[in-house]
Amino acid sequence: EKHTPIYFFSEGMKRLVKKYKRSAAQIVLRYLVDYGVIPIPKAGNPLHIKENLKIFDFKLEEIDIRALRGIKSKERLVQYENIKNHKFYPFERED
């Protein structure tokens, strides 16, 4: 899918999908909830909505949480098309 993060297809994510018997989306949503973030997933498909709600009956192990925390994909999933004329777009950060 166009806006699917590339790490969803990584070997590490494939391992987690197999280990937890969950989709990559469910694993990431569970991670975000545990991290204290309120995710707002895309909800255009009723099947995906049901799948997104099935994240509260499993927990990620600490080793897997650390692995997810270490992902540095540097992807921008939201392109902010309506603000391309902003002087700081694409909001790159230099440290």
N, C-alpha and C. Protein backbone atom coordinates (compact mmCIF):
# COMPACT_ATOMS: atom_id res chain seq x y z
N GLU A 1 0.85 -1.18 0.00
CA GLU A 1 0.00 0.00 0.00
C GLU A 1 0.89 1.24 0.00
N LYS A 2 0.41 2.30 -0.58
CA LYS A 2 1.19 3.52 -0.79
C LYS A 2 1.81 4.09 0.48
N HIS A 3 1.07 4.12 1.58
CA HIS A 3 1.57 4.76 2.79
C HIS A 3 2.02 3.77 3.85
N THR A 4 2.26 2.54 3.47
CA THR A 4 2.72 1.54 4.43
C THR A 4 4.20 1.76 4.68
N PRO A 5 4.61 1.89 5.94
CA PRO A 5 6.03 2.09 6.25
C PRO A 5 6.87 0.92 5.75
N ILE A 6 8.06 1.20 5.25
CA ILE A 6 8.90 0.13 4.70
C ILE A 6 9.31 -0.87 5.77
N TYR A 7 9.39 -0.46 7.04
CA TYR A 7 9.81 -1.41 8.07
C TYR A 7 8.74 -2.47 8.33
N PHE A 8 7.52 -2.27 7.84
CA PHE A 8 6.49 -3.31 7.96
C PHE A 8 6.93 -4.57 7.22
N PHE A 9 7.82 -4.43 6.25
CA PHE A 9 8.26 -5.54 5.42
C PHE A 9 9.66 -6.03 5.79
N SER A 10 10.20 -5.52 6.88
CA SER A 10 11.56 -5.90 7.30
C SER A 10 11.56 -7.30 7.89
N GLU A 11 12.74 -7.90 7.92
CA GLU A 11 12.88 -9.23 8.50
C GLU A 11 12.52 -9.22 9.98
N GLY A 12 12.88 -8.16 10.68
CA GLY A 12 12.55 -8.04 12.09
C GLY A 12 11.05 -8.03 12.33
N MET A 13 10.33 -7.30 11.50
CA MET A 13 8.88 -7.25 11.65
C MET A 13 8.26 -8.59 11.28
N LYS A 14 8.79 -9.23 10.26
CA LYS A 14 8.28 -10.56 9.88
C LYS A 14 8.43 -11.54 11.05
N ARG A 15 9.54 -11.42 11.78
CA ARG A 15 9.77 -12.27 12.95
C ARG A 15 8.71 -12.01 14.02
N LEU A 16 8.42 -10.72 14.27
CA LEU A 16 7.41 -10.37 15.28
C LEU A 16 6.01 -10.81 14.86
N VAL A 17 5.70 -10.67 13.58
CA VAL A 17 4.39 -11.11 13.06
C VAL A 17 4.22 -12.61 13.31
N LYS A 18 5.27 -13.36 13.04
CA LYS A 18 5.22 -14.81 13.25
C LYS A 18 5.15 -15.14 14.75
N LYS A 19 5.95 -14.46 15.54
CA LYS A 19 6.01 -14.73 16.99
C LYS A 19 4.67 -14.47 17.67
N TYR A 20 4.07 -13.33 17.37
CA TYR A 20 2.83 -12.93 18.05
C TYR A 20 1.56 -13.34 17.32
N LYS A 21 1.73 -13.85 16.09
CA LYS A 21 0.58 -14.22 15.26
C LYS A 21 -0.38 -13.04 15.10
N ARG A 22 0.21 -11.89 14.81
CA ARG A 22 -0.52 -10.63 14.61
C ARG A 22 0.00 -9.97 13.34
N SER A 23 -0.75 -9.01 12.85
CA SER A 23 -0.28 -8.25 11.69
C SER A 23 0.76 -7.22 12.14
N ALA A 24 1.52 -6.73 11.20
CA ALA A 24 2.50 -5.68 11.51
C ALA A 24 1.79 -4.46 12.08
N ALA A 25 0.63 -4.14 11.53
CA ALA A 25 -0.14 -2.99 12.03
C ALA A 25 -0.53 -3.19 13.48
N GLN A 26 -0.99 -4.38 13.83
CA GLN A 26 -1.37 -4.65 15.22
C GLN A 26 -0.17 -4.53 16.16
N ILE A 27 0.96 -5.01 15.73
CA ILE A 27 2.17 -4.93 16.56
C ILE A 27 2.56 -3.48 16.80
N VAL A 28 2.54 -2.68 15.75
CA VAL A 28 2.91 -1.27 15.90
C VAL A 28 1.87 -0.52 16.74
N LEU A 29 0.60 -0.80 16.53
CA LEU A 29 -0.44 -0.15 17.35
C LEU A 29 -0.27 -0.51 18.82
N ARG A 30 0.01 -1.78 19.11
CA ARG A 30 0.22 -2.21 20.50
C ARG A 30 1.43 -1.48 21.10
N TYR A 31 2.49 -1.39 20.32
CA TYR A 31 3.70 -0.68 20.76
C TYR A 31 3.37 0.78 21.09
N LEU A 32 2.65 1.44 20.22
CA LEU A 32 2.31 2.85 20.43
C LEU A 32 1.45 3.05 21.67
N VAL A 33 0.46 2.19 21.86
CA VAL A 33 -0.40 2.29 23.05
C VAL A 33 0.43 2.09 24.31
N ASP A 34 1.31 1.09 24.31
CA ASP A 34 2.17 0.85 25.48
C ASP A 34 3.12 2.02 25.73
N TYR A 35 3.48 2.72 24.68
CA TYR A 35 4.39 3.86 24.77
C TYR A 35 3.67 5.12 25.25
N GLY A 36 2.34 5.06 25.31
CA GLY A 36 1.56 6.20 25.78
C GLY A 36 1.04 7.10 24.68
N VAL A 37 1.15 6.63 23.44
CA VAL A 37 0.67 7.40 22.29
C VAL A 37 -0.73 6.91 21.94
N ILE A 38 -1.59 7.82 21.57
CA ILE A 38 -2.92 7.45 21.10
C ILE A 38 -2.86 7.42 19.58
N PRO A 39 -2.75 6.22 19.00
CA PRO A 39 -2.65 6.15 17.54
C PRO A 39 -4.01 6.40 16.88
N ILE A 40 -3.96 6.98 15.71
CA ILE A 40 -5.17 7.18 14.92
C ILE A 40 -4.92 6.49 13.58
N PRO A 41 -5.22 5.18 13.52
CA PRO A 41 -4.93 4.44 12.29
C PRO A 41 -5.94 4.74 11.20
N LYS A 42 -5.51 4.52 9.98
CA LYS A 42 -6.41 4.65 8.84
C LYS A 42 -7.56 3.67 9.03
N ALA A 43 -8.77 4.08 8.74
CA ALA A 43 -9.93 3.25 9.01
C ALA A 43 -10.90 3.22 7.83
N GLY A 44 -10.40 2.95 6.66
CA GLY A 44 -11.25 2.94 5.48
C GLY A 44 -11.86 1.59 5.16
N ASN A 45 -11.42 0.56 5.86
CA ASN A 45 -11.87 -0.80 5.58
C ASN A 45 -12.41 -1.41 6.87
N PRO A 46 -13.66 -1.88 6.89
CA PRO A 46 -14.23 -2.45 8.12
C PRO A 46 -13.40 -3.59 8.71
N LEU A 47 -12.79 -4.39 7.85
CA LEU A 47 -11.95 -5.49 8.33
C LEU A 47 -10.73 -4.95 9.09
N HIS A 48 -10.13 -3.88 8.56
CA HIS A 48 -8.97 -3.27 9.22
C HIS A 48 -9.37 -2.64 10.55
N ILE A 49 -10.56 -2.07 10.61
CA ILE A 49 -11.03 -1.47 11.87
C ILE A 49 -11.13 -2.55 12.94
N LYS A 50 -11.72 -3.69 12.60
CA LYS A 50 -11.83 -4.80 13.55
C LYS A 50 -10.44 -5.28 13.97
N GLU A 51 -9.55 -5.40 13.00
CA GLU A 51 -8.18 -5.84 13.29
C GLU A 51 -7.48 -4.85 14.22
N ASN A 52 -7.67 -3.57 13.97
CA ASN A 52 -7.03 -2.54 14.80
C ASN A 52 -7.48 -2.61 16.25
N LEU A 53 -8.69 -3.07 16.49
CA LEU A 53 -9.21 -3.16 17.86
C LEU A 53 -8.71 -4.39 18.61
N LYS A 54 -8.12 -5.33 17.89
CA LYS A 54 -7.64 -6.56 18.52
C LYS A 54 -6.18 -6.45 18.96
N ILE A 55 -5.89 -5.38 19.68
CA ILE A 55 -4.52 -5.18 20.16
C ILE A 55 -4.43 -5.20 21.68
N PHE A 56 -5.54 -5.43 22.33
CA PHE A 56 -5.55 -5.33 23.79
C PHE A 56 -5.50 -6.68 24.50
N ASP A 57 -5.35 -7.75 23.74
CA ASP A 57 -5.29 -9.08 24.35
C ASP A 57 -3.91 -9.72 24.23
N PHE A 58 -2.90 -8.90 23.97
CA PHE A 58 -1.52 -9.40 23.98
C PHE A 58 -0.60 -8.27 24.40
N LYS A 59 0.58 -8.64 24.86
CA LYS A 59 1.61 -7.68 25.27
C LYS A 59 2.89 -8.01 24.54
N LEU A 60 3.64 -6.99 24.19
CA LEU A 60 4.95 -7.19 23.59
C LEU A 60 5.98 -7.43 24.68
N GLU A 61 6.91 -8.32 24.42
CA GLU A 61 8.00 -8.55 25.36
C GLU A 61 8.98 -7.38 25.29
N GLU A 62 9.67 -7.15 26.38
CA GLU A 62 10.60 -6.01 26.47
C GLU A 62 11.65 -6.03 25.36
N ILE A 63 12.17 -7.18 25.03
CA ILE A 63 13.18 -7.27 23.97
C ILE A 63 12.61 -6.80 22.63
N ASP A 64 11.33 -7.09 22.39
CA ASP A 64 10.70 -6.67 21.14
C ASP A 64 10.36 -5.18 21.16
N ILE A 65 10.02 -4.67 22.32
CA ILE A 65 9.78 -3.23 22.46
C ILE A 65 11.07 -2.47 22.16
N ARG A 66 12.20 -2.96 22.68
CA ARG A 66 13.49 -2.30 22.40
C ARG A 66 13.82 -2.36 20.91
N ALA A 67 13.53 -3.49 20.29
CA ALA A 67 13.79 -3.62 18.85
C ALA A 67 12.95 -2.62 18.05
N LEU A 68 11.68 -2.49 18.41
CA LEU A 68 10.82 -1.53 17.71
C LEU A 68 11.27 -0.10 17.97
N ARG A 69 11.69 0.16 19.19
CA ARG A 69 12.16 1.51 19.54
C ARG A 69 13.41 1.88 18.74
N GLY A 70 14.17 0.88 18.34
CA GLY A 70 15.42 1.13 17.62
C GLY A 70 15.26 1.34 16.13
N ILE A 71 14.06 1.22 15.61
CA ILE A 71 13.85 1.40 14.17
C ILE A 71 14.07 2.86 13.81
N LYS A 72 14.92 3.09 12.84
CA LYS A 72 15.21 4.45 12.37
C LYS A 72 14.97 4.49 10.86
N SER A 73 13.72 4.52 10.47
CA SER A 73 13.41 4.44 9.04
C SER A 73 13.51 5.79 8.33
N LYS A 74 13.42 6.88 9.09
CA LYS A 74 13.47 8.23 8.53
C LYS A 74 12.44 8.43 7.41
N GLU A 75 11.29 7.81 7.58
CA GLU A 75 10.21 7.95 6.61
C GLU A 75 9.25 9.03 7.05
N ARG A 76 8.72 9.75 6.11
CA ARG A 76 7.64 10.69 6.39
C ARG A 76 6.38 10.05 5.83
N LEU A 77 5.51 9.60 6.72
CA LEU A 77 4.30 8.90 6.28
C LEU A 77 3.20 9.85 5.89
N VAL A 78 3.21 11.04 6.44
CA VAL A 78 2.23 12.06 6.09
C VAL A 78 2.99 13.16 5.36
N GLN A 79 2.59 13.43 4.15
CA GLN A 79 3.34 14.36 3.31
C GLN A 79 2.97 15.83 3.51
N TYR A 80 1.86 16.11 4.16
CA TYR A 80 1.43 17.49 4.39
C TYR A 80 1.38 18.29 3.09
N GLU A 81 0.69 17.74 2.12
CA GLU A 81 0.59 18.37 0.80
C GLU A 81 0.07 19.80 0.85
N ASN A 82 -0.81 20.10 1.80
CA ASN A 82 -1.43 21.43 1.84
C ASN A 82 -0.52 22.51 2.42
N ILE A 83 0.67 22.16 2.87
CA ILE A 83 1.57 23.18 3.42
C ILE A 83 2.94 23.17 2.73
N LYS A 84 2.98 22.70 1.51
CA LYS A 84 4.25 22.64 0.78
C LYS A 84 4.88 24.00 0.56
N ASN A 85 4.11 25.06 0.64
CA ASN A 85 4.66 26.40 0.43
C ASN A 85 5.21 27.04 1.69
N HIS A 86 5.11 26.34 2.82
CA HIS A 86 5.64 26.86 4.08
C HIS A 86 7.16 26.98 3.96
N LYS A 87 7.73 28.04 4.50
CA LYS A 87 9.16 28.29 4.31
C LYS A 87 10.05 27.22 4.93
N PHE A 88 9.56 26.46 5.90
CA PHE A 88 10.38 25.43 6.53
C PHE A 88 10.07 24.02 6.03
N TYR A 89 9.13 23.90 5.10
CA TYR A 89 8.80 22.58 4.57
C TYR A 89 10.02 22.00 3.89
N PRO A 90 10.38 20.77 4.06
CA PRO A 90 9.66 19.68 4.70
C PRO A 90 10.01 19.49 6.18
N PHE A 91 10.32 20.53 6.87
CA PHE A 91 10.55 20.50 8.31
C PHE A 91 11.69 19.57 8.70
N GLU A 92 12.75 19.62 7.95
CA GLU A 92 13.91 18.80 8.29
C GLU A 92 14.58 19.37 9.52
N ARG A 93 15.09 18.48 10.33
CA ARG A 93 15.72 18.89 11.57
C ARG A 93 17.21 18.60 11.49
N GLU A 94 18.00 19.58 11.82
CA GLU A 94 19.44 19.39 11.85
C GLU A 94 19.90 19.47 13.29
N ASP A 95 20.58 18.42 13.73
CA ASP A 95 21.09 18.39 15.11
C ASP A 95 22.57 18.72 15.15
